[in-house]
Amino acid sequence: MKVKKLFLPALAAVTLLASCSKDGPDEPVNPVDVTGKAYLSLSLKNNNEAMTRSNEQKPGTEAESKADRVTVLLFDDAFLCLGTADFSGLTVGNSGGSNTPTAEKSEAKLVPGATKKIFVVINPVSSNGWDLTDNAVKGKSWQDINTTIKDANLTIGNLTATNSFMMTSAGNQTYGALTTVEVAKPASDSQADIDAAKALAKTQAAEVYVNRMSAKVTVSENQSGVTTGNNNTDKFTFQGWELNITNKSIGLYTDIVTYDNASTSAVQGIYRKDANYLLTDQPAQAKISEEFNCLTNGGNDPANDMSPVIKAQGTDAYCFENTMDAPAQKLGYTTKAVVKAKYTPVGITEGNSYFFWHGSYLTLTELKALYLTHSDGTGLKTDLPIFLKKAGLMTSDVTDQSDINDAVAALTADNFDAVTGVKGRYCAVRYYHESVCYYDVLIRHDQNVTADMALGRYGVVRNNWYGLTINSAGSPGTPWIPDPTDPDDPTKPGTDDDDNSEAYLSVSITVNPWTFWNQGVDLN
């Protein structure tokens, strides 16, 4: 007999051990009422070998790695689904990442003899996403089963529930999503031959890697502190962060592409193609919110509708993968982190409000004094009224210069509040209430890709963990949240006889660490 073992590269996620078998007799055994089902025993462990492949891998927590339910989809050579093998109540995990036991092989269970390929889903979401029950998938092609979901009822929370992270086969670029297996067929229906096939199936196995379907992001300050502008005399205080522009669609499996200059710690520089990967797939600005979850400034009522940015530093956040072809890496479609901070330039009392105009940071008193030095129709005499009118502090019908001057002279600190700078966004004059500002931090997939707009440079990929470390802040951000859906934004972010025979398949699952990317961030 001839035994074949297949090792598939992965994005450092979950390892599934599926059986290989002999090239044995092909005659079918007597039919047994199994209706195409396979009986599989699974063990989910942490993988010591995977931990040593790369120093850029970090173990998932038990909550991120536990397999409560496992579904194995079985396919013939024509990619037609023969049925599923489903399990419930498995109490397995990686013990918080502290242990790395060897993966255990399961006892062999019955599957259709025509089984040639498998796809594994751990903790499948069914009520809000894919229906992967046996009746739903049996007789369908892999192409029909592998669907992309965009549903208001399917959120990242569905895929990242504690102890129930959804994970799927990682596949590879050469063979695609499905892993080829060789099942062990009994020579006859005698118990001795059945036992021999079971033993062979358990002994010989092929490895299949499986990914968490979510990406993970963490934002924190450098442990040594954040370096600021003006020779570190400006003051920076972290206030919160949130993810912005996260995908609303997610594919059960997404095709793999590789890219040039990948980090050596990346597993073959893996990147993926999501449903809006191409430039031609990206929505117009007016429809961005249909495809992506975006933070908002609140339109005309920021006091009530402005998105909160409150997540503590060091807190993890999850999102659907969002990837882009090289020319599709556009600002308005790239997943990013928005950081909220208090940034006070030197010369301003820490935490106080101030204005910015043409490179200068000014108190209200200084702004009003500078205004008086400008001639009518120039400088602040032009720019400040535009800001005040947009911010709602001066009515649009005030056009006489003397009336404008009187309105400026009458301004007091009480006229300005937390949303004044938001209402008056995109003007030459900016107002920072109590020094609060926002920074847009694009998430880089691979720091080793340095060429502008090169494939693999930006985006978030499933089972990748992106750690954003804030190292410096050279100046304040904007008084408003960078919002690609904002129409006022001037940047305008574009079948055979074998089907009825049975064979035996043995499966074991091993949870691998996340692939971790650390990105230093300089806020400017």
Protein backbone atom coordinates (compact mmCIF):
# COMPACT_ATOMS: atom_id res chain seq x y z
CA MET A 1 0.00 0.00 0.00
CA LYS A 2 1.05 3.55 -0.58
CA VAL A 3 0.55 6.31 2.00
CA LYS A 4 0.40 10.00 1.15
CA LYS A 5 0.75 12.82 3.66
CA LEU A 6 -0.15 16.37 2.63
CA PHE A 7 1.09 19.41 4.54
CA LEU A 8 -0.60 22.68 3.62
CA PRO A 9 0.87 26.09 4.41
CA ALA A 10 -1.36 28.45 6.37
CA LEU A 11 -1.84 31.88 7.80
CA ALA A 12 -0.83 30.58 11.20
CA ALA A 13 -4.15 29.51 12.58
CA VAL A 14 -5.70 26.17 13.45
CA THR A 15 -4.29 22.80 12.36
CA LEU A 16 -6.68 20.05 11.37
CA LEU A 17 -5.35 16.52 11.00
CA ALA A 18 -7.43 14.59 8.46
CA SER A 19 -6.78 11.02 7.46
CA CYS A 20 -4.72 9.74 4.63
CA SER A 21 -5.02 6.15 3.59
CA LYS A 22 -3.85 3.33 1.42
CA ASP A 23 -4.41 2.98 -2.28
CA GLY A 24 -6.47 -0.15 -1.59
CA PRO A 25 -9.24 -2.08 -3.25
CA ASP A 26 -11.96 0.07 -4.71
CA GLU A 27 -14.84 -2.42 -4.47
CA PRO A 28 -17.62 -1.08 -2.23
CA VAL A 29 -18.65 -2.66 1.03
CA ASN A 30 -22.27 -3.62 1.62
CA PRO A 31 -24.36 -0.47 2.05
CA VAL A 32 -24.81 0.77 5.59
CA ASP A 33 -27.42 3.35 6.52
CA VAL A 34 -25.09 6.23 7.12
CA THR A 35 -26.67 8.68 4.66
CA GLY A 36 -23.30 10.03 3.68
CA LYS A 37 -22.23 11.03 7.18
CA ALA A 38 -18.78 10.65 8.69
CA TYR A 39 -18.08 9.96 12.31
CA LEU A 40 -15.12 11.97 13.51
CA SER A 41 -13.42 12.39 16.87
CA LEU A 42 -11.59 15.70 17.26
CA SER A 43 -9.01 17.10 19.67
CA LEU A 44 -8.19 20.81 19.69
CA LYS A 45 -4.76 21.60 21.08
CA ASN A 46 -2.10 24.27 20.82
CA ASN A 47 0.71 23.45 18.42
CA ASN A 48 4.29 23.70 19.67
CA GLU A 49 5.70 23.32 16.15
CA ALA A 50 3.65 26.25 14.93
CA MET A 51 4.88 28.39 17.82
CA THR A 52 8.48 27.91 16.68
CA ARG A 53 7.89 28.70 13.00
CA SER A 54 7.92 32.43 13.57
CA ASN A 55 8.70 34.89 16.32
CA GLU A 56 5.79 36.95 15.04
CA GLN A 57 3.13 34.49 16.21
CA LYS A 58 1.20 34.83 19.43
CA PRO A 59 -1.11 32.25 20.99
CA GLY A 60 -4.79 32.89 20.99
CA THR A 61 -6.60 32.91 24.28
CA GLU A 62 -8.78 29.95 25.15
CA ALA A 63 -11.80 32.10 24.38
CA GLU A 64 -10.40 32.68 20.89
CA SER A 65 -9.41 29.05 20.30
CA LYS A 66 -12.09 26.81 21.73
CA ALA A 67 -14.04 24.51 19.42
CA ASP A 68 -17.56 24.09 20.69
CA ARG A 69 -18.91 22.81 17.35
CA VAL A 70 -17.07 21.42 14.34
CA THR A 71 -18.44 20.74 10.86
CA VAL A 72 -16.38 18.94 8.23
CA LEU A 73 -17.70 19.26 4.67
CA LEU A 74 -16.94 16.19 2.51
CA PHE A 75 -16.42 16.47 -1.25
CA ASP A 76 -15.76 14.14 -4.16
CA ASP A 77 -13.20 14.76 -6.91
CA ALA A 78 -15.68 16.94 -8.80
CA PHE A 79 -16.02 19.29 -5.81
CA LEU A 80 -19.56 18.04 -5.14
CA CYS A 81 -20.50 17.94 -1.46
CA LEU A 82 -21.31 14.43 -0.21
CA GLY A 83 -22.48 15.61 3.19
CA THR A 84 -21.04 16.77 6.48
CA ALA A 85 -19.65 15.47 9.73
CA ASP A 86 -20.91 17.55 12.64
CA PHE A 87 -19.88 17.59 16.31
CA SER A 88 -21.19 19.43 19.35
CA GLY A 89 -20.04 19.89 22.91
CA LEU A 90 -16.31 19.49 22.39
CA THR A 91 -14.51 20.89 25.42
CA VAL A 92 -11.13 21.70 23.92
CA GLY A 93 -8.88 24.70 23.74
CA ASN A 94 -5.34 25.93 24.12
CA SER A 95 -5.38 26.49 27.90
CA GLY A 96 -4.84 30.20 27.48
CA GLY A 97 -1.78 29.64 25.34
CA SER A 98 0.30 28.28 28.23
CA ASN A 99 0.49 24.69 27.03
CA THR A 100 1.58 23.22 23.71
CA PRO A 101 0.58 19.55 23.75
CA THR A 102 0.91 17.40 20.67
CA ALA A 103 -2.22 17.14 18.56
CA GLU A 104 -4.12 13.93 19.10
CA LYS A 105 -5.57 11.86 16.29
CA SER A 106 -9.19 10.89 16.58
CA GLU A 107 -10.75 7.50 16.29
CA ALA A 108 -11.73 6.88 12.67
CA LYS A 109 -15.35 7.44 11.75
CA LEU A 110 -17.47 6.45 8.75
CA VAL A 111 -17.59 8.70 5.65
CA PRO A 112 -18.68 8.17 2.04
CA GLY A 113 -16.08 6.24 0.09
CA ALA A 114 -16.05 8.89 -2.64
CA THR A 115 -14.64 11.44 -0.21
CA LYS A 116 -11.58 13.01 -1.78
CA LYS A 117 -11.50 16.50 -0.30
CA ILE A 118 -12.59 18.22 2.89
CA PHE A 119 -13.29 21.69 4.21
CA VAL A 120 -13.45 22.35 7.95
CA VAL A 121 -15.59 24.87 9.80
CA ILE A 122 -15.25 25.36 13.56
CA ASN A 123 -18.05 27.04 15.51
CA PRO A 124 -20.12 27.67 12.37
CA VAL A 125 -22.50 30.61 12.40
CA SER A 126 -25.80 29.44 10.99
CA SER A 127 -28.65 31.59 12.20
CA ASN A 128 -27.00 34.80 10.97
CA GLY A 129 -24.85 33.55 8.14
CA TRP A 130 -24.11 30.34 6.31
CA ASP A 131 -26.35 27.28 6.49
CA LEU A 132 -23.80 24.45 6.68
CA THR A 133 -26.18 21.74 7.84
CA ASP A 134 -26.04 18.42 5.99
CA ASN A 135 -29.34 18.92 4.18
CA ALA A 136 -28.35 22.40 3.07
CA VAL A 137 -24.97 21.55 1.55
CA LYS A 138 -25.33 17.95 0.35
CA GLY A 139 -25.35 17.80 -3.45
CA LYS A 140 -24.08 21.35 -3.86
CA SER A 141 -20.81 22.33 -5.46
CA TRP A 142 -18.05 23.98 -3.45
CA GLN A 143 -18.56 27.13 -5.49
CA ASP A 144 -22.20 27.31 -4.42
CA ILE A 145 -21.35 26.66 -0.78
CA ASN A 146 -18.55 29.20 -0.62
CA THR A 147 -20.59 32.35 -0.40
CA THR A 148 -19.90 35.86 0.78
CA ILE A 149 -22.29 37.19 3.39
CA LYS A 150 -23.27 40.81 3.74
CA ASP A 151 -26.16 40.96 6.15
CA ALA A 152 -27.14 43.51 8.74
CA ASN A 153 -27.75 40.60 11.09
CA LEU A 154 -24.25 39.17 10.66
CA THR A 155 -21.76 41.17 12.70
CA ILE A 156 -18.21 40.60 13.83
CA GLY A 157 -19.69 39.68 17.21
CA ASN A 158 -21.27 36.60 15.64
CA LEU A 159 -17.85 35.36 14.51
CA THR A 160 -15.96 36.25 17.70
CA ALA A 161 -18.24 35.14 20.52
CA THR A 162 -16.30 34.00 23.59
CA ASN A 163 -15.35 30.33 23.28
CA SER A 164 -16.98 30.25 19.85
CA PHE A 165 -14.72 31.99 17.32
CA MET A 166 -15.64 30.88 13.83
CA MET A 167 -12.69 29.27 12.01
CA THR A 168 -12.41 27.73 8.56
CA SER A 169 -9.87 25.89 6.43
CA ALA A 170 -7.01 28.17 5.45
CA GLY A 171 -6.33 26.42 2.15
CA ASN A 172 -3.37 27.47 0.06
CA GLN A 173 -2.63 29.24 -3.17
CA THR A 174 -1.83 26.07 -5.13
CA TYR A 175 -4.75 23.80 -4.17
CA GLY A 176 -7.33 26.32 -3.04
CA ALA A 177 -9.78 25.88 -0.18
CA LEU A 178 -10.22 22.10 -0.15
CA THR A 179 -7.68 19.65 1.19
CA THR A 180 -7.14 16.38 -0.67
CA VAL A 181 -7.41 13.29 1.54
CA GLU A 182 -7.07 9.58 0.93
CA VAL A 183 -9.62 7.61 2.87
CA ALA A 184 -9.12 4.04 4.05
CA LYS A 185 -11.63 1.65 2.49
CA PRO A 186 -12.38 -1.73 4.07
CA ALA A 187 -11.52 -4.68 1.81
CA SER A 188 -14.90 -6.19 2.76
CA ASP A 189 -17.74 -5.66 5.17
CA SER A 190 -16.22 -8.04 7.73
CA GLN A 191 -15.54 -6.55 11.14
CA ALA A 192 -11.85 -7.44 10.81
CA ASP A 193 -11.49 -5.45 7.58
CA ILE A 194 -13.47 -2.56 9.00
CA ASP A 195 -11.23 -2.49 12.07
CA ALA A 196 -8.15 -2.59 9.84
CA ALA A 197 -9.43 0.37 7.80
CA LYS A 198 -10.14 2.32 10.98
CA ALA A 199 -6.65 1.62 12.26
CA LEU A 200 -5.07 2.70 8.98
CA ALA A 201 -7.13 5.89 8.85
CA LYS A 202 -6.02 6.83 12.35
CA THR A 203 -2.39 6.02 11.66
CA GLN A 204 -2.11 7.97 8.43
CA ALA A 205 -3.23 11.58 8.42
CA ALA A 206 -2.91 14.76 6.40
CA GLU A 207 -2.61 18.18 8.03
CA VAL A 208 -5.01 20.99 7.20
CA TYR A 209 -4.60 24.45 8.67
CA VAL A 210 -7.64 26.49 9.68
CA ASN A 211 -7.94 30.25 10.30
CA ARG A 212 -10.00 32.34 12.60
CA MET A 213 -12.21 34.30 10.23
CA SER A 214 -11.67 37.56 12.06
CA ALA A 215 -8.75 39.94 12.13
CA LYS A 216 -7.65 41.42 15.44
CA VAL A 217 -6.37 44.91 16.25
CA THR A 218 -4.86 46.36 19.43
CA VAL A 219 -3.81 49.98 19.96
CA SER A 220 -1.50 51.05 22.79
CA GLU A 221 1.06 53.67 23.67
CA ASN A 222 4.78 52.98 23.66
CA GLN A 223 5.74 51.83 27.14
CA SER A 224 8.40 54.54 27.24
CA GLY A 225 5.83 57.20 26.48
CA VAL A 226 4.77 59.11 23.38
CA THR A 227 7.27 61.59 22.00
CA THR A 228 5.66 64.90 21.06
CA GLY A 229 6.50 67.94 18.97
CA ASN A 230 8.54 70.96 19.91
CA ASN A 231 11.33 68.82 21.37
CA ASN A 232 8.85 66.81 23.41
CA THR A 233 7.43 69.84 25.19
CA ASP A 234 3.94 69.48 23.71
CA LYS A 235 1.58 67.37 25.81
CA PHE A 236 -0.17 64.20 24.58
CA THR A 237 -2.77 62.26 26.57
CA PHE A 238 -4.45 59.17 25.08
CA GLN A 239 -8.25 59.34 25.32
CA GLY A 240 -9.52 56.31 23.37
CA TRP A 241 -9.59 54.52 20.04
CA GLU A 242 -11.96 52.70 17.70
CA LEU A 243 -11.77 50.82 14.42
CA ASN A 244 -13.05 52.67 11.38
CA ILE A 245 -14.01 51.56 7.87
CA THR A 246 -14.48 47.88 8.67
CA ASN A 247 -15.92 45.51 6.09
CA LYS A 248 -19.56 44.49 6.25
CA SER A 249 -19.02 41.46 4.01
CA ILE A 250 -17.12 38.26 4.75
CA GLY A 251 -16.46 35.18 2.65
CA LEU A 252 -16.53 31.66 4.02
CA TYR A 253 -13.22 31.20 2.20
CA THR A 254 -11.20 33.83 0.38
CA ASP A 255 -8.58 33.12 -2.26
CA ILE A 256 -4.94 33.57 -1.34
CA VAL A 257 -2.48 35.80 -3.16
CA THR A 258 1.17 36.38 -2.36
CA TYR A 259 3.10 39.60 -2.69
CA ASP A 260 6.67 40.79 -3.12
CA ASN A 261 8.98 41.73 -0.25
CA ALA A 262 6.88 39.92 2.35
CA SER A 263 8.23 39.78 5.89
CA THR A 264 10.15 36.59 6.47
CA SER A 265 8.00 35.95 9.53
CA ALA A 266 4.88 35.87 7.37
CA VAL A 267 3.85 32.43 6.14
CA GLN A 268 4.73 32.83 2.46
CA GLY A 269 3.58 36.43 2.54
CA ILE A 270 -0.09 35.50 2.48
CA TYR A 271 -2.76 38.02 1.56
CA ARG A 272 -6.36 37.36 0.50
CA LYS A 273 -9.05 38.58 -1.88
CA ASP A 274 -12.23 39.71 -0.22
CA ALA A 275 -15.48 40.59 -2.02
CA ASN A 276 -14.50 44.23 -2.62
CA TYR A 277 -10.82 43.54 -3.40
CA LEU A 278 -10.70 45.23 -6.79
CA LEU A 279 -10.87 48.93 -7.44
CA THR A 280 -13.96 48.32 -9.59
CA ASP A 281 -15.63 46.63 -6.58
CA GLN A 282 -15.35 49.67 -4.36
CA PRO A 283 -18.48 51.76 -3.84
CA ALA A 284 -18.98 55.42 -4.62
CA GLN A 285 -18.58 57.75 -1.66
CA ALA A 286 -22.33 58.07 -1.19
CA LYS A 287 -22.57 54.29 -0.80
CA ILE A 288 -19.50 53.64 1.37
CA SER A 289 -21.66 53.06 4.44
CA GLU A 290 -23.48 50.28 2.58
CA GLU A 291 -20.24 48.30 2.29
CA PHE A 292 -18.31 49.44 5.37
CA ASN A 293 -18.94 50.32 9.01
CA CYS A 294 -17.75 53.88 9.47
CA LEU A 295 -17.41 56.27 12.38
CA THR A 296 -19.27 59.50 11.78
CA ASN A 297 -19.08 63.12 12.82
CA GLY A 298 -22.84 63.16 13.22
CA GLY A 299 -23.78 65.23 10.20
CA ASN A 300 -25.61 68.38 11.24
CA ASP A 301 -26.09 67.21 14.83
CA PRO A 302 -22.69 66.00 16.13
CA ALA A 303 -23.71 66.60 19.73
CA ASN A 304 -26.12 63.66 19.49
CA ASP A 305 -24.84 61.54 16.61
CA MET A 306 -21.05 61.76 16.68
CA SER A 307 -19.49 58.31 17.08
CA PRO A 308 -17.89 57.73 20.49
CA VAL A 309 -14.17 56.94 20.50
CA ILE A 310 -13.70 55.38 23.91
CA LYS A 311 -11.95 52.03 23.66
CA ALA A 312 -9.09 51.83 26.19
CA GLN A 313 -5.55 51.36 25.00
CA GLY A 314 -4.44 47.72 25.03
CA THR A 315 -8.01 46.61 24.36
CA ASP A 316 -8.50 44.14 21.51
CA ALA A 317 -10.99 44.71 18.71
CA TYR A 318 -12.03 42.33 15.92
CA CYS A 319 -13.24 42.95 12.40
CA PHE A 320 -13.93 41.21 9.09
CA GLU A 321 -10.95 41.09 6.78
CA ASN A 322 -10.66 43.99 4.38
CA THR A 323 -8.12 43.57 1.58
CA MET A 324 -7.33 45.53 -1.55
CA ASP A 325 -5.58 45.02 -4.83
CA ALA A 326 -2.58 47.33 -5.12
CA PRO A 327 -4.36 50.15 -7.02
CA ALA A 328 -7.44 49.79 -4.79
CA GLN A 329 -5.65 50.87 -1.60
CA LYS A 330 -7.68 54.05 -1.22
CA LEU A 331 -8.07 56.08 1.93
CA GLY A 332 -11.83 55.81 2.10
CA TYR A 333 -11.81 52.00 1.85
CA THR A 334 -8.87 51.05 4.09
CA THR A 335 -9.52 49.74 7.59
CA LYS A 336 -7.93 52.02 10.13
CA ALA A 337 -7.84 52.97 13.77
CA VAL A 338 -9.06 56.36 14.92
CA VAL A 339 -7.17 57.55 18.00
CA LYS A 340 -8.65 60.22 20.26
CA ALA A 341 -6.22 62.25 22.35
CA LYS A 342 -5.63 65.53 24.05
CA TYR A 343 -2.74 67.27 22.33
CA THR A 344 -1.69 70.61 23.78
CA PRO A 345 1.04 72.57 21.99
CA VAL A 346 3.68 74.37 24.03
CA GLY A 347 2.48 77.83 25.03
CA ILE A 348 -1.07 76.61 25.69
CA THR A 349 -2.08 75.56 29.18
CA GLU A 350 -2.33 71.78 29.18
CA GLY A 351 -5.86 70.61 28.40
CA ASN A 352 -7.13 74.06 27.48
CA SER A 353 -8.94 74.98 24.29
CA TYR A 354 -7.10 76.62 21.41
CA PHE A 355 -7.31 77.54 17.73
CA PHE A 356 -5.05 76.70 14.80
CA TRP A 357 -4.52 78.93 11.81
CA HIS A 358 -1.71 78.89 9.25
CA GLY A 359 0.79 77.07 11.47
CA SER A 360 0.03 78.97 14.69
CA TYR A 361 -1.71 77.77 17.84
CA LEU A 362 -3.69 80.55 19.48
CA THR A 363 -5.83 81.17 22.53
CA LEU A 364 -9.13 82.96 21.91
CA THR A 365 -7.59 86.21 23.10
CA GLU A 366 -4.63 85.79 20.73
CA LEU A 367 -6.93 84.87 17.84
CA LYS A 368 -9.02 88.00 18.31
CA ALA A 369 -5.95 90.19 18.56
CA LEU A 370 -4.42 88.69 15.40
CA TYR A 371 -7.72 89.15 13.59
CA LEU A 372 -7.56 92.91 14.15
CA THR A 373 -4.13 93.15 12.51
CA HIS A 374 -5.41 91.91 9.16
CA SER A 375 -6.82 94.10 6.46
CA ASP A 376 -10.39 93.66 5.32
CA GLY A 377 -10.73 90.82 2.82
CA THR A 378 -7.43 89.19 3.79
CA GLY A 379 -6.14 86.54 6.24
CA LEU A 380 -8.27 86.02 9.32
CA LYS A 381 -10.66 88.72 8.21
CA THR A 382 -11.70 86.21 5.53
CA ASP A 383 -11.03 82.82 7.17
CA LEU A 384 -12.45 83.36 10.67
CA PRO A 385 -15.97 84.40 9.56
CA ILE A 386 -16.13 81.35 7.28
CA PHE A 387 -15.35 79.13 10.28
CA LEU A 388 -17.75 80.92 12.62
CA LYS A 389 -20.63 80.69 10.16
CA LYS A 390 -20.07 77.01 9.49
CA ALA A 391 -19.79 76.33 13.23
CA GLY A 392 -23.08 78.13 13.87
CA LEU A 393 -21.55 80.98 15.84
CA MET A 394 -22.40 83.62 13.26
CA THR A 395 -25.40 83.73 10.95
CA SER A 396 -24.81 83.61 7.24
CA ASP A 397 -26.63 86.91 6.70
CA VAL A 398 -23.93 88.84 8.58
CA THR A 399 -21.99 90.30 5.68
CA ASP A 400 -21.12 93.85 6.64
CA GLN A 401 -17.48 94.01 7.80
CA SER A 402 -18.24 96.16 10.82
CA ASP A 403 -20.94 93.73 11.93
CA ILE A 404 -18.52 90.83 11.49
CA ASN A 405 -15.90 92.68 13.52
CA ASP A 406 -18.39 93.32 16.30
CA ALA A 407 -19.38 89.63 16.34
CA VAL A 408 -15.75 88.55 16.61
CA ALA A 409 -15.07 91.05 19.39
CA ALA A 410 -18.05 89.71 21.34
CA LEU A 411 -16.84 86.09 21.30
CA THR A 412 -16.17 84.49 24.68
CA ALA A 413 -15.02 81.00 25.69
CA ASP A 414 -18.62 80.18 26.58
CA ASN A 415 -19.56 80.40 22.89
CA PHE A 416 -17.46 77.32 22.10
CA ASP A 417 -18.20 73.73 23.07
CA ALA A 418 -17.06 70.16 22.38
CA VAL A 419 -18.62 70.05 18.90
CA THR A 420 -17.75 73.55 17.67
CA GLY A 421 -14.63 72.26 15.94
CA VAL A 422 -16.60 69.39 14.44
CA LYS A 423 -19.31 71.64 13.03
CA GLY A 424 -16.64 73.96 11.62
CA ARG A 425 -14.57 71.20 10.03
CA TYR A 426 -12.52 71.56 6.85
CA CYS A 427 -11.98 75.28 7.37
CA ALA A 428 -8.70 77.19 7.48
CA VAL A 429 -9.40 77.94 11.14
CA ARG A 430 -9.60 74.93 13.46
CA TYR A 431 -10.87 74.87 17.04
CA TYR A 432 -9.68 72.25 19.54
CA HIS A 433 -12.00 72.10 22.53
CA GLU A 434 -10.06 71.22 25.67
CA SER A 435 -7.21 70.07 23.38
CA VAL A 436 -9.20 67.09 22.04
CA CYS A 437 -8.29 65.81 18.59
CA TYR A 438 -8.49 62.69 16.41
CA TYR A 439 -5.86 60.85 14.39
CA ASP A 440 -6.41 58.55 11.41
CA VAL A 441 -4.06 55.52 11.56
CA LEU A 442 -4.07 53.36 8.44
CA ILE A 443 -3.41 49.72 9.30
CA ARG A 444 -0.44 48.28 7.46
CA HIS A 445 -0.64 44.55 6.72
CA ASP A 446 3.10 44.08 6.29
CA GLN A 447 5.65 46.63 7.47
CA ASN A 448 8.24 45.11 5.14
CA VAL A 449 6.32 46.31 2.08
CA THR A 450 7.59 49.84 1.74
CA ALA A 451 6.79 50.76 -1.86
CA ASP A 452 3.83 53.06 -2.20
CA MET A 453 0.61 51.31 -3.18
CA ALA A 454 2.33 47.90 -3.33
CA LEU A 455 0.21 44.80 -2.81
CA GLY A 456 0.24 43.67 0.82
CA ARG A 457 1.04 47.09 2.21
CA TYR A 458 -2.39 47.91 3.64
CA GLY A 459 -5.42 45.92 4.73
CA VAL A 460 -6.43 43.49 7.45
CA VAL A 461 -6.41 39.73 6.81
CA ARG A 462 -8.24 36.98 8.71
CA ASN A 463 -6.33 35.46 11.62
CA ASN A 464 -3.82 38.31 11.63
CA TRP A 465 -3.33 40.36 14.76
CA TYR A 466 -2.27 43.94 14.22
CA GLY A 467 -0.68 45.69 17.19
CA LEU A 468 -0.50 49.45 16.70
CA THR A 469 1.98 51.07 19.07
CA ILE A 470 1.89 54.86 19.28
CA ASN A 471 5.47 56.10 19.40
CA SER A 472 5.15 59.79 18.67
CA ALA A 473 2.70 62.59 17.99
CA GLY A 474 4.30 65.54 16.26
CA SER A 475 1.23 67.75 16.17
CA PRO A 476 -2.49 67.73 16.90
CA GLY A 477 -4.80 65.62 14.77
CA THR A 478 -8.08 67.03 13.51
CA PRO A 479 -10.86 68.34 15.78
CA TRP A 480 -13.22 65.99 13.94
CA ILE A 481 -13.33 62.26 13.22
CA PRO A 482 -11.94 61.43 9.77
CA ASP A 483 -15.13 60.22 8.05
CA PRO A 484 -15.00 58.98 4.44
CA THR A 485 -18.78 59.26 4.11
CA ASP A 486 -18.79 62.97 4.95
CA PRO A 487 -19.94 64.84 1.81
CA ASP A 488 -18.13 67.94 3.09
CA ASP A 489 -14.76 66.16 3.05
CA PRO A 490 -12.74 67.94 0.36
CA THR A 491 -10.52 64.86 -0.19
CA LYS A 492 -13.51 62.74 -1.45
CA PRO A 493 -12.15 59.48 -0.34
CA GLY A 494 -13.62 54.87 -5.30
CA THR A 495 -21.08 11.62 -9.47
CA ASP A 496 -19.97 7.48 -9.73
CA ASP A 497 -20.42 4.19 -8.08
CA ASP A 498 -18.13 5.11 -5.23
CA ASP A 499 -20.78 7.53 -3.91
CA ASN A 500 -22.58 4.74 -2.16
CA SER A 501 -19.54 3.11 -0.57
CA GLU A 502 -18.00 4.11 2.73
CA ALA A 503 -14.49 4.61 3.99
CA TYR A 504 -12.91 5.90 7.18
CA LEU A 505 -11.49 9.31 7.95
CA SER A 506 -9.58 10.38 11.07
CA VAL A 507 -9.40 14.03 12.04
CA SER A 508 -7.58 15.95 14.76
CA ILE A 509 -7.45 19.75 15.20
CA THR A 510 -4.62 21.89 16.56
CA VAL A 511 -5.02 25.59 17.29
CA ASN A 512 -2.12 27.72 16.13
CA PRO A 513 -1.29 31.24 17.31
CA TRP A 514 -2.34 34.38 15.56
CA THR A 515 0.06 35.84 13.04
CA PHE A 516 1.04 39.05 14.84
CA TRP A 517 2.09 42.31 13.20
CA ASN A 518 3.48 45.15 15.28
CA GLN A 519 3.16 48.59 13.70
CA GLY A 520 4.89 51.62 15.15
CA VAL A 521 2.72 54.70 14.75
CA ASP A 522 3.83 58.31 14.55
CA LEU A 523 0.85 60.63 14.75
CA ASN A 524 1.15 63.79 12.72
